[in-house]
Amino acid sequence: MKIDHIGSTGVNPYQRQLAKTERLAAGKTKGDQVEISKEAKELQEAASWERARQAKLEELRQQIETGAYQVDPRAVAERMIDYYRNQR
């Protein structure tokens, strides 16, 4: 006696599931993504520090040219002493 499978010949349920997941994955394509390394972030921060430094230098230059810049001799002496004490 021979039993024929009527209606189920050539049907692989795993293949249908695979095709379904592939269709869903094709519909949800990933967009482009950019990652900035830690070193690049540090370079960006250094550039902003450089701009701030240049602004400060320009302000000091203006004060010196107009004669408004005053040097605190005590602060200069203290910084010099600290520098030479820490050299040892």
Foldseek 3Di string as FASTA:
>chain_A
DDDDDPPCPPDDPVVVVVVVVVVVDVVDDDDDDDDDDPVNVVVVVVVVVVVVVVVVVVVVVVCVVVVNDDDDVVVVVVVVVVVVVVVD
